[in-house]
C-alpha cells in the first residue's frame, strides 16, 4: 500500500528549515574562508585589478576626448571656476557703478540753461 503522509506535514516548513540550516553552514564556511591569507590576497588582487582598470579607462577617455578636441572634466571645472570669479567681479563693478551714479546725479549735476528757443512757426 501507499504510504500516507501525516495531515500536519507542511512542505514549505521543511523547505524553510533546510534553507535556514544551509545558510548557517554556508555562512560559517565563508567566514572561515575569509579569515585565511589566501582569501585576503585574492581580495587585494581583485581590488588592484579594479583600480588599475579604472585608471586605464580614465586615461583612455582623456586621450579620446583630447583626440576629438573636447574638454576634459578638469578643464570644464577650471572654466567653471573662472566664470564664477568673473561673474562676482561684474556684480561688484555693477554695485560700485550704481552707487557712484546715484550720488553723482543727486549732488553735483550742473544745472542746464533754460530752453528759450522756440520752434519756427509754420512757414
PDB file of N, CA and C in Angstrom:
ATOM      1  N   UNK A   1       0.813  -1.177   0.000  1.00  0.00           N
ATOM      2  CA  UNK A   1       0.000   0.000   0.000  1.00  0.00           C
ATOM      3  C   UNK A   1       0.862   1.248   0.000  1.00  0.00           C
ATOM      4  N   UNK A   2       0.255   2.322  -0.417  1.00  0.00           N
ATOM      5  CA  UNK A   2       0.969   3.596  -0.467  1.00  0.00           C
ATOM      6  C   UNK A   2       1.102   4.173   0.925  1.00  0.00           C
ATOM      7  N   UNK A   3       2.246   4.810   1.160  1.00  0.00           N
ATOM      8  CA  UNK A   3       2.451   5.441   2.463  1.00  0.00           C
ATOM      9  C   UNK A   3       1.589   6.675   2.568  1.00  0.00           C
ATOM     10  N   UNK A   4       1.090   6.909   3.723  1.00  0.00           N
ATOM     11  CA  UNK A   4       0.259   8.078   3.952  1.00  0.00           C
ATOM     12  C   UNK A   4       1.081   9.131   4.700  1.00  0.00           C
ATOM     13  N   UNK A   5       0.986  10.383   4.260  1.00  0.00           N
ATOM     14  CA  UNK A   5       1.702  11.462   4.936  1.00  0.00           C
ATOM     15  C   UNK A   5       0.852  11.974   6.074  1.00  0.00           C
ATOM     16  N   UNK A   6       1.493  12.417   7.150  1.00  0.00           N
ATOM     17  CA  UNK A   6       0.700  12.964   8.254  1.00  0.00           C
ATOM     18  C   UNK A   6      -0.066  14.198   7.789  1.00  0.00           C
ATOM     19  N   UNK A   7      -1.177  14.437   8.386  1.00  0.00           N
ATOM     20  CA  UNK A   7      -2.038  15.534   7.954  1.00  0.00           C
ATOM     21  C   UNK A   7      -1.425  16.897   8.267  1.00  0.00           C
ATOM     22  N   UNK A   8      -0.490  16.983   9.187  1.00  0.00           N
ATOM     23  CA  UNK A   8       0.100  18.280   9.527  1.00  0.00           C
ATOM     24  C   UNK A   8       1.438  18.499   8.822  1.00  0.00           C
ATOM     25  N   UNK A   9       1.775  17.701   7.819  1.00  0.00           N
ATOM     26  CA  UNK A   9       3.027  17.872   7.081  1.00  0.00           C
ATOM     27  C   UNK A   9       2.945  19.121   6.216  1.00  0.00           C
ATOM     28  N   UNK A  10       3.912  20.009   6.401  1.00  0.00           N
ATOM     29  CA  UNK A  10       3.952  21.252   5.628  1.00  0.00           C
ATOM     30  C   UNK A  10       5.252  21.265   4.816  1.00  0.00           C
ATOM     31  N   UNK A  11       5.174  21.095   3.480  1.00  0.00           N
ATOM     32  CA  UNK A  11       6.400  21.055   2.680  1.00  0.00           C
ATOM     33  C   UNK A  11       7.170  22.384   2.730  1.00  0.00           C
ATOM     34  N   UNK A  12       6.474  23.492   2.863  1.00  0.00           N
ATOM     35  CA  UNK A  12       7.145  24.793   2.903  1.00  0.00           C
ATOM     36  C   UNK A  12       7.927  24.968   4.208  1.00  0.00           C
ATOM     37  N   UNK A  13       7.404  24.432   5.292  1.00  0.00           N
ATOM     38  CA  UNK A  13       8.114  24.491   6.561  1.00  0.00           C
ATOM     39  C   UNK A  13       9.406  23.669   6.486  1.00  0.00           C
ATOM     40  N   UNK A  14       9.328  22.502   5.874  1.00  0.00           N
ATOM     41  CA  UNK A  14      10.530  21.672   5.709  1.00  0.00           C
ATOM     42  C   UNK A  14      11.550  22.399   4.835  1.00  0.00           C
ATOM     43  N   UNK A  15      11.091  23.064   3.785  1.00  0.00           N
ATOM     44  CA  UNK A  15      11.978  23.832   2.906  1.00  0.00           C
ATOM     45  C   UNK A  15      12.649  24.973   3.671  1.00  0.00           C
ATOM     46  N   UNK A  16      11.868  25.698   4.480  1.00  0.00           N
ATOM     47  CA  UNK A  16      12.431  26.801   5.274  1.00  0.00           C
ATOM     48  C   UNK A  16      13.477  26.294   6.252  1.00  0.00           C
ATOM     49  N   UNK A  17      13.209  25.147   6.893  1.00  0.00           N
ATOM     50  CA  UNK A  17      14.188  24.581   7.825  1.00  0.00           C
ATOM     51  C   UNK A  17      15.481  24.213   7.106  1.00  0.00           C
ATOM     52  N   UNK A  18      15.350  23.543   5.959  1.00  0.00           N
ATOM     53  CA  UNK A  18      16.540  23.150   5.203  1.00  0.00           C
ATOM     54  C   UNK A  18      17.322  24.382   4.756  1.00  0.00           C
ATOM     55  N   UNK A  19      16.598  25.405   4.249  1.00  0.00           N
ATOM     56  CA  UNK A  19      17.249  26.626   3.774  1.00  0.00           C
ATOM     57  C   UNK A  19      17.955  27.345   4.921  1.00  0.00           C
ATOM     58  N   UNK A  20      17.345  27.395   6.093  1.00  0.00           N
ATOM     59  CA  UNK A  20      17.957  28.045   7.248  1.00  0.00           C
ATOM     60  C   UNK A  20      19.242  27.322   7.651  1.00  0.00           C
ATOM     61  N   UNK A  21      19.219  25.987   7.689  1.00  0.00           N
ATOM     62  CA  UNK A  21      20.429  25.225   8.024  1.00  0.00           C
ATOM     63  C   UNK A  21      21.514  25.434   6.968  1.00  0.00           C
ATOM     64  N   UNK A  22      21.119  25.433   5.700  1.00  0.00           N
ATOM     65  CA  UNK A  22      22.081  25.639   4.622  1.00  0.00           C
ATOM     66  C   UNK A  22      22.740  27.009   4.735  1.00  0.00           C
ATOM     67  N   UNK A  23      21.959  28.042   5.012  1.00  0.00           N
ATOM     68  CA  UNK A  23      22.511  29.397   5.146  1.00  0.00           C
ATOM     69  C   UNK A  23      23.488  29.483   6.320  1.00  0.00           C
ATOM     70  N   UNK A  24      23.151  28.850   7.446  1.00  0.00           N
ATOM     71  CA  UNK A  24      24.059  28.874   8.597  1.00  0.00           C
ATOM     72  C   UNK A  24      25.377  28.180   8.271  1.00  0.00           C
ATOM     73  N   UNK A  25      25.297  27.019   7.617  1.00  0.00           N
ATOM     74  CA  UNK A  25      26.508  26.277   7.272  1.00  0.00           C
ATOM     75  C   UNK A  25      27.353  27.043   6.248  1.00  0.00           C
ATOM     76  N   UNK A  26      26.682  27.622   5.247  1.00  0.00           N
ATOM     77  CA  UNK A  26      27.399  28.395   4.232  1.00  0.00           C
ATOM     78  C   UNK A  26      28.050  29.626   4.860  1.00  0.00           C
ATOM     79  N   UNK A  27      27.338  30.299   5.744  1.00  0.00           N
ATOM     80  CA  UNK A  27      27.873  31.479   6.415  1.00  0.00           C
ATOM     81  C   UNK A  27      29.107  31.114   7.243  1.00  0.00           C
ATOM     82  N   UNK A  28      29.036  30.016   7.981  1.00  0.00           N
ATOM     83  CA  UNK A  28      30.183  29.582   8.788  1.00  0.00           C
ATOM     84  C   UNK A  28      31.368  29.236   7.886  1.00  0.00           C
ATOM     85  N   UNK A  29      31.118  28.547   6.788  1.00  0.00           N
ATOM     86  CA  UNK A  29      32.184  28.175   5.860  1.00  0.00           C
ATOM     87  C   UNK A  29      32.840  29.413   5.246  1.00  0.00           C
ATOM     88  N   UNK A  30      32.013  30.359   4.779  1.00  0.00           N
ATOM     89  CA  UNK A  30      32.564  31.568   4.143  1.00  0.00           C
ATOM     90  C   UNK A  30      33.308  32.441   5.146  1.00  0.00           C
ATOM     91  N   UNK A  31      32.815  32.534   6.369  1.00  0.00           N
ATOM     92  CA  UNK A  31      33.543  33.294   7.393  1.00  0.00           C
ATOM     93  C   UNK A  31      34.906  32.668   7.653  1.00  0.00           C
ATOM     94  N   UNK A  32      34.954  31.345   7.679  1.00  0.00           N
ATOM     95  CA  UNK A  32      36.224  30.656   7.888  1.00  0.00           C
ATOM     96  C   UNK A  32      37.167  30.916   6.717  1.00  0.00           C
ATOM     97  N   UNK A  33      36.636  30.892   5.490  1.00  0.00           N
ATOM     98  CA  UNK A  33      37.470  31.109   4.311  1.00  0.00           C
ATOM     99  C   UNK A  33      37.976  32.554   4.229  1.00  0.00           C
ATOM    100  N   UNK A  34      37.134  33.504   4.624  1.00  0.00           N
ATOM    101  CA  UNK A  34      37.525  34.911   4.529  1.00  0.00           C
ATOM    102  C   UNK A  34      38.608  35.280   5.531  1.00  0.00           C
ATOM    103  N   UNK A  35      38.771  34.490   6.555  1.00  0.00           N
ATOM    104  CA  UNK A  35      39.808  34.799   7.535  1.00  0.00           C
ATOM    105  C   UNK A  35      41.178  34.253   7.124  1.00  0.00           C
ATOM    106  N   UNK A  36      41.260  33.548   6.014  1.00  0.00           N
ATOM    107  CA  UNK A  36      42.543  32.988   5.577  1.00  0.00           C
ATOM    108  C   UNK A  36      43.348  34.019   4.791  1.00  0.00           C
ATOM    109  N   UNK A  37      44.661  33.809   4.753  1.00  0.00           N
ATOM    110  CA  UNK A  37      45.541  34.695   3.986  1.00  0.00           C
ATOM    111  C   UNK A  37      45.270  34.588   2.492  1.00  0.00           C
ATOM    112  N   UNK A  38      44.906  33.414   2.039  1.00  0.00           N
ATOM    113  CA  UNK A  38      44.645  33.219   0.611  1.00  0.00           C
ATOM    114  C   UNK A  38      43.498  34.111   0.146  1.00  0.00           C
ATOM    115  N   UNK A  39      42.430  34.152   0.920  1.00  0.00           N
ATOM    116  CA  UNK A  39      41.293  34.994   0.551  1.00  0.00           C
ATOM    117  C   UNK A  39      41.681  36.467   0.583  1.00  0.00           C
ATOM    118  N   UNK A  40      42.436  36.857   1.581  1.00  0.00           N
ATOM    119  CA  UNK A  40      42.826  38.263   1.687  1.00  0.00           C
ATOM    120  C   UNK A  40      43.719  38.675   0.518  1.00  0.00           C
ATOM    121  N   UNK A  41      44.615  37.774   0.107  1.00  0.00           N
ATOM    122  CA  UNK A  41      45.426  38.081  -1.076  1.00  0.00           C
ATOM    123  C   UNK A  41      44.549  38.164  -2.323  1.00  0.00           C
ATOM    124  N   UNK A  42      43.582  37.264  -2.427  1.00  0.00           N
ATOM    125  CA  UNK A  42      42.663  37.275  -3.567  1.00  0.00           C
ATOM    126  C   UNK A  42      41.865  38.576  -3.607  1.00  0.00           C
ATOM    127  N   UNK A  43      41.304  38.980  -2.461  1.00  0.00           N
ATOM    128  CA  UNK A  43      40.519  40.214  -2.405  1.00  0.00           C
ATOM    129  C   UNK A  43      41.392  41.430  -2.734  1.00  0.00           C
ATOM    130  N   UNK A  44      42.620  41.441  -2.238  1.00  0.00           N
ATOM    131  CA  UNK A  44      43.533  42.540  -2.560  1.00  0.00           C
ATOM    132  C   UNK A  44      43.866  42.574  -4.042  1.00  0.00           C
ATOM    133  N   UNK A  45      44.051  41.403  -4.630  1.00  0.00           N
ATOM    134  CA  UNK A  45      44.320  41.334  -6.074  1.00  0.00           C
ATOM    135  C   UNK A  45      43.151  41.849  -6.892  1.00  0.00           C
ATOM    136  N   UNK A  46      41.942  41.477  -6.474  1.00  0.00           N
ATOM    137  CA  UNK A  46      40.741  41.958  -7.182  1.00  0.00           C
ATOM    138  C   UNK A  46      40.654  43.473  -7.081  1.00  0.00           C
ATOM    139  N   UNK A  47      40.921  44.017  -5.900  1.00  0.00           N
ATOM    140  CA  UNK A  47      40.886  45.476  -5.731  1.00  0.00           C
ATOM    141  C   UNK A  47      41.916  46.158  -6.623  1.00  0.00           C
ATOM    142  N   UNK A  48      43.117  45.584  -6.717  1.00  0.00           N
ATOM    143  CA  UNK A  48      44.150  46.163  -7.595  1.00  0.00           C
ATOM    144  C   UNK A  48      43.704  46.134  -9.047  1.00  0.00           C
ATOM    145  N   UNK A  49      43.108  45.017  -9.470  1.00  0.00           N
ATOM    146  CA  UNK A  49      42.651  44.906 -10.856  1.00  0.00           C
ATOM    147  C   UNK A  49      41.583  45.950 -11.149  1.00  0.00           C
ATOM    148  N   UNK A  50      40.643  46.113 -10.229  1.00  0.00           N
ATOM    149  CA  UNK A  50      39.569  47.087 -10.432  1.00  0.00           C
ATOM    150  C   UNK A  50      40.142  48.502 -10.499  1.00  0.00           C
ATOM    151  N   UNK A  51      41.045  48.844  -9.579  1.00  0.00           N
ATOM    152  CA  UNK A  51      41.624  50.192  -9.582  1.00  0.00           C
ATOM    153  C   UNK A  51      42.476  50.444 -10.824  1.00  0.00           C
ATOM    154  N   UNK A  52      43.256  49.441 -11.236  1.00  0.00           N
ATOM    155  CA  UNK A  52      44.068  49.607 -12.444  1.00  0.00           C
ATOM    156  C   UNK A  52      43.206  49.773 -13.683  1.00  0.00           C
ATOM    157  N   UNK A  53      42.123  49.001 -13.769  1.00  0.00           N
ATOM    158  CA  UNK A  53      41.243  49.134 -14.945  1.00  0.00           C
ATOM    159  C   UNK A  53      40.523  50.476 -14.923  1.00  0.00           C
ATOM    160  N   UNK A  54      40.164  50.945 -13.735  1.00  0.00           N
ATOM    161  CA  UNK A  54      39.522  52.254 -13.636  1.00  0.00           C
ATOM    162  C   UNK A  54      40.487  53.359 -14.075  1.00  0.00           C
ATOM    163  N   UNK A  55      41.736  53.253 -13.671  1.00  0.00           N
ATOM    164  CA  UNK A  55      42.747  54.237 -14.068  1.00  0.00           C
ATOM    165  C   UNK A  55      42.970  54.194 -15.578  1.00  0.00           C
ATOM    166  N   UNK A  56      43.068  52.987 -16.138  1.00  0.00           N
ATOM    167  CA  UNK A  56      43.272  52.846 -17.586  1.00  0.00           C
ATOM    168  C   UNK A  56      42.087  53.418 -18.353  1.00  0.00           C
ATOM    169  N   UNK A  57      40.872  53.191 -17.863  1.00  0.00           N
ATOM    170  CA  UNK A  57      39.682  53.721 -18.527  1.00  0.00           C
ATOM    171  C   UNK A  57      39.688  55.242 -18.501  1.00  0.00           C
ATOM    172  N   UNK A  58      40.070  55.829 -17.376  1.00  0.00           N
ATOM    173  CA  UNK A  58      40.140  57.286 -17.282  1.00  0.00           C
ATOM    174  C   UNK A  58      41.154  57.868 -18.247  1.00  0.00           C
ATOM    175  N   UNK A  59      42.324  57.216 -18.346  1.00  0.00           N
ATOM    176  CA  UNK A  59      43.348  57.693 -19.280  1.00  0.00           C
ATOM    177  C   UNK A  59      42.886  57.547 -20.727  1.00  0.00           C
ATOM    178  N   UNK A  60      42.198  56.446 -21.036  1.00  0.00           N
ATOM    179  CA  UNK A  60      41.704  56.236 -22.392  1.00  0.00           C
ATOM    180  C   UNK A  60      40.652  57.289 -22.748  1.00  0.00           C
ATOM    181  N   UNK A  61      39.760  57.592 -21.802  1.00  0.00           N
ATOM    182  CA  UNK A  61      38.751  58.614 -22.063  1.00  0.00           C
ATOM    183  C   UNK A  61      39.385  59.988 -22.247  1.00  0.00           C
ATOM    184  N   UNK A  62      40.422  60.273 -21.464  1.00  0.00           N
ATOM    185  CA  UNK A  62      41.112  61.563 -21.602  1.00  0.00           C
ATOM    186  C   UNK A  62      41.767  61.668 -22.978  1.00  0.00           C
ATOM    187  N   UNK A  63      42.401  60.576 -23.431  1.00  0.00           N
ATOM    188  CA  UNK A  63      43.019  60.602 -24.770  1.00  0.00           C
ATOM    189  C   UNK A  63      41.970  60.749 -25.861  1.00  0.00           C
ATOM    190  N   UNK A  64      40.845  60.052 -25.716  1.00  0.00           N
ATOM    191  CA  UNK A  64      39.827  60.130 -26.772  1.00  0.00           C
ATOM    192  C   UNK A  64      39.155  61.493 -26.798  1.00  0.00           C
ATOM    193  N   UNK A  65      38.904  62.101 -25.631  1.00  0.00           N
ATOM    194  CA  UNK A  65      38.323  63.448 -25.650  1.00  0.00           C
ATOM    195  C   UNK A  65      39.323  64.458 -26.196  1.00  0.00           C
ATOM    196  N   UNK A  66      40.609  64.267 -25.925  1.00  0.00           N
ATOM    197  CA  UNK A  66      41.635  65.134 -26.483  1.00  0.00           C
ATOM    198  C   UNK A  66      41.678  64.979 -28.007  1.00  0.00           C
ATOM    199  N   UNK A  67      41.575  63.751 -28.474  1.00  0.00           N
ATOM    200  CA  UNK A  67      41.595  63.490 -29.908  1.00  0.00           C
ATOM    201  C   UNK A  67      40.392  64.128 -30.599  1.00  0.00           C
ATOM    202  N   UNK A  68      39.236  64.114 -29.942  1.00  0.00           N
ATOM    203  CA  UNK A  68      38.025  64.725 -30.511  1.00  0.00           C
ATOM    204  C   UNK A  68      37.951  66.222 -30.244  1.00  0.00           C
ATOM    205  N   UNK A  69      38.988  66.754 -29.617  1.00  0.00           N
ATOM    206  CA  UNK A  69      39.075  68.173 -29.290  1.00  0.00           C
ATOM    207  C   UNK A  69      37.930  68.601 -28.368  1.00  0.00           C
ATOM    208  N   UNK A  70      37.611  67.753 -27.400  1.00  0.00           N
ATOM    209  CA  UNK A  70      36.598  68.064 -26.395  1.00  0.00           C
ATOM    210  C   UNK A  70      37.297  68.338 -25.063  1.00  0.00           C
ATOM    211  N   UNK A  71      36.724  69.203 -24.244  1.00  0.00           N
ATOM    212  CA  UNK A  71      37.370  69.478 -22.951  1.00  0.00           C
ATOM    213  C   UNK A  71      37.192  68.306 -21.994  1.00  0.00           C
ATOM    214  N   UNK A  72      38.158  68.148 -21.114  1.00  0.00           N
ATOM    215  CA  UNK A  72      38.068  67.108 -20.092  1.00  0.00           C
ATOM    216  C   UNK A  72      37.284  67.646 -18.904  1.00  0.00           C
ATOM    217  N   UNK A  73      37.016  66.790 -17.947  1.00  0.00           N
ATOM    218  CA  UNK A  73      36.280  67.196 -16.753  1.00  0.00           C
ATOM    219  C   UNK A  73      37.052  68.250 -15.974  1.00  0.00           C
ATOM    220  N   UNK A  74      38.358  68.073 -15.856  1.00  0.00           N
ATOM    221  CA  UNK A  74      39.174  69.046 -15.127  1.00  0.00           C
ATOM    222  C   UNK A  74      39.170  70.404 -15.816  1.00  0.00           C
ATOM    223  N   UNK A  75      39.241  70.397 -17.142  1.00  0.00           N
ATOM    224  CA  UNK A  75      39.206  71.661 -17.877  1.00  0.00           C
ATOM    225  C   UNK A  75      37.861  72.355 -17.714  1.00  0.00           C
ATOM    226  N   UNK A  76      36.766  71.587 -17.731  1.00  0.00           N
ATOM    227  CA  UNK A  76      35.444  72.187 -17.525  1.00  0.00           C
ATOM    228  C   UNK A  76      35.304  72.743 -16.111  1.00  0.00           C
ATOM    229  N   UNK A  77      35.851  72.051 -15.130  1.00  0.00           N
ATOM    230  CA  UNK A  77      35.793  72.539 -13.751  1.00  0.00           C
ATOM    231  C   UNK A  77      36.583  73.838 -13.602  1.00  0.00           C
ATOM    232  N   UNK A  78      37.765  73.899 -14.219  1.00  0.00           N
ATOM    233  CA  UNK A  78      38.570  75.125 -14.157  1.00  0.00           C
ATOM    234  C   UNK A  78      37.851  76.276 -14.858  1.00  0.00           C
ATOM    235  N   UNK A  79      37.231  75.999 -15.983  1.00  0.00           N
ATOM    236  CA  UNK A  79      36.486  77.025 -16.706  1.00  0.00           C
ATOM    237  C   UNK A  79      35.302  77.520 -15.887  1.00  0.00           C
ATOM    238  N   UNK A  80      34.631  76.604 -15.213  1.00  0.00           N
ATOM    239  CA  UNK A  80      33.502  76.978 -14.367  1.00  0.00           C
ATOM    240  C   UNK A  80      33.943  77.887 -13.227  1.00  0.00           C
ATOM    241  N   UNK A  81      35.077  77.573 -12.625  1.00  0.00           N
ATOM    242  CA  UNK A  81      35.600  78.422 -11.542  1.00  0.00           C
ATOM    243  C   UNK A  81      35.954  79.814 -12.053  1.00  0.00           C
ATOM    244  N   UNK A  82      36.579  79.866 -13.217  1.00  0.00           N
ATOM    245  CA  UNK A  82      36.937  81.177 -13.787  1.00  0.00           C
ATOM    246  C   UNK A  82      35.687  81.983 -14.099  1.00  0.00           C
ATOM    247  N   UNK A  83      34.657  81.325 -14.633  1.00  0.00           N
ATOM    248  CA  UNK A  83      33.411  82.018 -14.964  1.00  0.00           C
ATOM    249  C   UNK A  83      32.738  82.546 -13.704  1.00  0.00           C
ATOM    250  N   UNK A  84      32.736  81.762 -12.635  1.00  0.00           N
ATOM    251  CA  UNK A  84      32.143  82.211 -11.374  1.00  0.00           C
ATOM    252  C   UNK A  84      32.890  83.428 -10.835  1.00  0.00           C
ATOM    253  N   UNK A  85      34.217  83.416 -10.933  1.00  0.00           N
ATOM    254  CA  UNK A  85      35.009  84.562 -10.467  1.00  0.00           C
ATOM    255  C   UNK A  85      34.697  85.807 -11.294  1.00  0.00           C
ATOM    256  N   UNK A  86      34.561  85.645 -12.606  1.00  0.00           N
ATOM    257  CA  UNK A  86      34.218  86.786 -13.462  1.00  0.00           C
ATOM    258  C   UNK A  86      32.840  87.343 -13.127  1.00  0.00           C
ATOM    259  N   UNK A  87      31.878  86.459 -12.863  1.00  0.00           N
ATOM    260  CA  UNK A  87      30.535  86.922 -12.511  1.00  0.00           C
ATOM    261  C   UNK A  87      30.561  87.721 -11.214  1.00  0.00           C
ATOM    262  N   UNK A  88      31.353  87.289 -10.241  1.00  0.00           N
ATOM    263  CA  UNK A  88      31.464  88.033  -8.991  1.00  0.00           C
ATOM    264  C   UNK A  88      32.080  89.402  -9.228  1.00  0.00           C
ATOM    265  N   UNK A  89      33.088  89.459 -10.087  1.00  0.00           N
ATOM    266  CA  UNK A  89      33.717  90.753 -10.374  1.00  0.00           C
ATOM    267  C   UNK A  89      32.752  91.692 -11.074  1.00  0.00           C
ATOM    268  N   UNK A  90      31.953  91.160 -12.013  1.00  0.00           N
ATOM    269  CA  UNK A  90      30.975  92.006 -12.714  1.00  0.00           C
ATOM    270  C   UNK A  90      29.930  92.527 -11.738  1.00  0.00           C
ATOM    271  N   UNK A  91      29.455  91.667 -10.841  1.00  0.00           N
ATOM    272  CA  UNK A  91      28.476  92.119  -9.846  1.00  0.00           C
ATOM    273  C   UNK A  91      29.065  93.206  -8.961  1.00  0.00           C
ATOM    274  N   UNK A  92      30.324  93.049  -8.571  1.00  0.00           N
ATOM    275  CA  UNK A  92      30.966  94.067  -7.736  1.00  0.00           C
ATOM    276  C   UNK A  92      31.088  95.382  -8.495  1.00  0.00           C
ATOM    277  N   UNK A  93      31.447  95.306  -9.778  1.00  0.00           N
ATOM    278  CA  UNK A  93      31.554  96.534 -10.584  1.00  0.00           C
ATOM    279  C   UNK A  93      30.188  97.181 -10.783  1.00  0.00           C
ATOM    280  N   UNK A  94      29.158  96.381 -10.992  1.00  0.00           N
ATOM    281  CA  UNK A  94      27.814  96.946 -11.151  1.00  0.00           C
ATOM    282  C   UNK A  94      27.374  97.644  -9.877  1.00  0.00           C
ATOM    283  N   UNK A  95      27.669  97.055  -8.724  1.00  0.00           N
ATOM    284  CA  UNK A  95      27.310  97.676  -7.448  1.00  0.00           C
ATOM    285  C   UNK A  95      28.046  98.979  -7.243  1.00  0.00           C
ATOM    286  N   UNK A  96      29.320  99.020  -7.600  1.00  0.00           N
ATOM    287  CA  UNK A  96      30.124 100.235  -7.462  1.00  0.00           C
ATOM    288  C   UNK A  96      29.619 101.308  -8.416  1.00  0.00           C
ATOM    289  N   UNK A  97      29.331 100.939  -9.636  1.00  0.00           N
ATOM    290  CA  UNK A  97      28.881 101.921 -10.626  1.00  0.00           C
ATOM    291  C   UNK A  97      27.494 102.449 -10.287  1.00  0.00           C
ATOM    292  N   UNK A  98      26.612 101.630  -9.773  1.00  0.00           N
ATOM    293  CA  UNK A  98      25.262 102.083  -9.423  1.00  0.00           C
ATOM    294  C   UNK A  98      25.311 103.074  -8.269  1.00  0.00           C
ATOM    295  N   UNK A  99      26.134 102.826  -7.268  1.00  0.00           N
ATOM    296  CA  UNK A  99      26.210 103.757  -6.140  1.00  0.00           C
ATOM    297  C   UNK A  99      26.869 105.058  -6.550  1.00  0.00           C
ATOM    298  N   UNK A 100      27.871 105.009  -7.436  1.00  0.00           N
ATOM    299  CA  UNK A 100      28.529 106.254  -7.835  1.00  0.00           C
ATOM    300  C   UNK A 100      27.617 107.074  -8.732  1.00  0.00           C
ATOM    301  N   UNK A 101      26.795 106.461  -9.560  1.00  0.00           N
ATOM    302  CA  UNK A 101      25.874 107.206 -10.422  1.00  0.00           C
ATOM    303  C   UNK A 101      24.805 107.910  -9.606  1.00  0.00           C
ATOM    304  N   UNK A 102      24.264 107.261  -8.578  1.00  0.00           N
ATOM    305  CA  UNK A 102      23.216 107.905  -7.786  1.00  0.00           C
ATOM    306  C   UNK A 102      23.770 109.073  -6.994  1.00  0.00           C
ATOM    307  N   UNK A 103      24.950 108.957  -6.444  1.00  0.00           N
ATOM    308  CA  UNK A 103      25.496 110.075  -5.674  1.00  0.00           C
ATOM    309  C   UNK A 103      25.879 111.220  -6.587  1.00  0.00           C
ATOM    310  N   UNK A 104      26.375 110.940  -7.776  1.00  0.00           N
ATOM    311  CA  UNK A 104      26.772 111.986  -8.705  1.00  0.00           C
ATOM    312  C   UNK A 104      25.547 112.746  -9.208  1.00  0.00           C
ATOM    313  N   UNK A 105      24.476 112.030  -9.529  1.00  0.00           N
ATOM    314  CA  UNK A 105      23.302 112.706 -10.087  1.00  0.00           C
ATOM    315  C   UNK A 105      22.579 113.516  -9.023  1.00  0.00           C
ATOM    316  N   UNK A 106      22.639 113.103  -7.760  1.00  0.00           N
ATOM    317  CA  UNK A 106      21.937 113.822  -6.704  1.00  0.00           C
ATOM    318  C   UNK A 106      22.677 115.086  -6.275  1.00  0.00           C
ATOM    319  N   UNK A 107      24.005 115.078  -6.282  1.00  0.00           N
ATOM    320  CA  UNK A 107      24.725 116.189  -5.663  1.00  0.00           C
ATOM    321  C   UNK A 107      25.407 117.125  -6.649  1.00  0.00           C
ATOM    322  N   UNK A 108      26.075 116.631  -7.639  1.00  0.00           N
ATOM    323  CA  UNK A 108      26.946 117.507  -8.411  1.00  0.00           C
ATOM    324  C   UNK A 108      26.495 117.710  -9.851  1.00  0.00           C
ATOM    325  N   UNK A 109      25.251 117.532 -10.143  1.00  0.00           N
ATOM    326  CA  UNK A 109      24.817 117.751 -11.522  1.00  0.00           C
ATOM    327  C   UNK A 109      24.715 119.252 -11.770  1.00  0.00           C
ATOM    328  N   UNK A 110      25.339 119.702 -12.843  1.00  0.00           N
ATOM    329  CA  UNK A 110      25.295 121.132 -13.165  1.00  0.00           C
ATOM    330  C   UNK A 110      23.947 121.461 -13.793  1.00  0.00           C
ATOM    331  N   UNK A 111      23.403 122.607 -13.424  1.00  0.00           N
ATOM    332  CA  UNK A 111      22.090 122.960 -13.990  1.00  0.00           C
ATOM    333  C   UNK A 111      22.222 123.295 -15.472  1.00  0.00           C
ATOM    334  N   UNK A 112      21.226 122.940 -16.206  1.00  0.00           N
ATOM    335  CA  UNK A 112      21.218 123.226 -17.635  1.00  0.00           C
ATOM    336  C   UNK A 112      20.577 124.593 -17.876  1.00  0.00           C
ATOM    337  N   UNK A 113      21.016 125.245 -18.897  1.00  0.00           N
ATOM    338  CA  UNK A 113      20.381 126.548 -19.194  1.00  0.00           C
ATOM    339  C   UNK A 113      18.937 126.333 -19.653  1.00  0.00           C
ATOM    340  N   UNK A 114      18.104 127.325 -19.411  1.00  0.00           N
ATOM    341  CA  UNK A 114      16.704 127.155 -19.834  1.00  0.00           C
ATOM    342  C   UNK A 114      16.590 127.150 -21.343  1.00  0.00           C
ATOM    343  N   UNK A 115      15.601 126.448 -21.817  1.00  0.00           N
ATOM    344  CA  UNK A 115      15.376 126.383 -23.266  1.00  0.00           C
ATOM    345  C   UNK A 115      14.502 127.572 -23.660  1.00  0.00           C
ATOM    346  N   UNK A 116      15.070 128.525 -24.332  1.00  0.00           N
ATOM    347  CA  UNK A 116      14.346 129.723 -24.716  1.00  0.00           C
ATOM    348  C   UNK A 116      14.040 129.742 -26.190  1.00  0.00           C
ATOM    349  N   UNK A 117      14.664 128.968 -26.938  1.00  0.00           N
ATOM    350  CA  UNK A 117      14.454 128.972 -28.371  1.00  0.00           C
ATOM    351  C   UNK A 117      13.145 128.269 -28.685  1.00  0.00           C
ATOM    352  N   UNK A 118      12.380 128.898 -29.533  1.00  0.00           N
ATOM    353  CA  UNK A 118      11.085 128.340 -29.914  1.00  0.00           C
ATOM    354  C   UNK A 118      11.172 127.787 -31.316  1.00  0.00           C
ATOM    355  N   UNK A 119      10.414 126.793 -31.576  1.00  0.00           N
ATOM    356  CA  UNK A 119      10.441 126.229 -32.918  1.00  0.00           C
ATOM    357  C   UNK A 119       9.901 127.251 -33.931  1.00  0.00           C
ATOM    358  N   UNK A 120      10.394 127.123 -35.128  1.00  0.00           N
ATOM    359  CA  UNK A 120       9.928 128.041 -36.182  1.00  0.00           C
ATOM    360  C   UNK A 120       8.459 127.783 -36.458  1.00  0.00           C
ATOM    361  N   UNK A 121       7.738 128.865 -36.613  1.00  0.00           N
ATOM    362  CA  UNK A 121       6.309 128.711 -36.903  1.00  0.00           C
ATOM    363  C   UNK A 121       6.123 128.275 -38.339  1.00  0.00           C
ATOM    364  N   UNK A 122       5.022 127.715 -38.629  1.00  0.00           N
ATOM    365  CA  UNK A 122       4.778 127.150 -39.963  1.00  0.00           C
ATOM    366  C   UNK A 122       5.025 128.186 -41.043  1.00  0.00           C
ATOM    367  N   UNK A 123       6.007 128.010 -41.821  1.00  0.00           N
ATOM    368  CA  UNK A 123       6.440 128.986 -42.805  1.00  0.00           C
ATOM    369  C   UNK A 123       5.554 129.027 -43.914  1.00  0.00           C
TER     370      UNK A 123
END
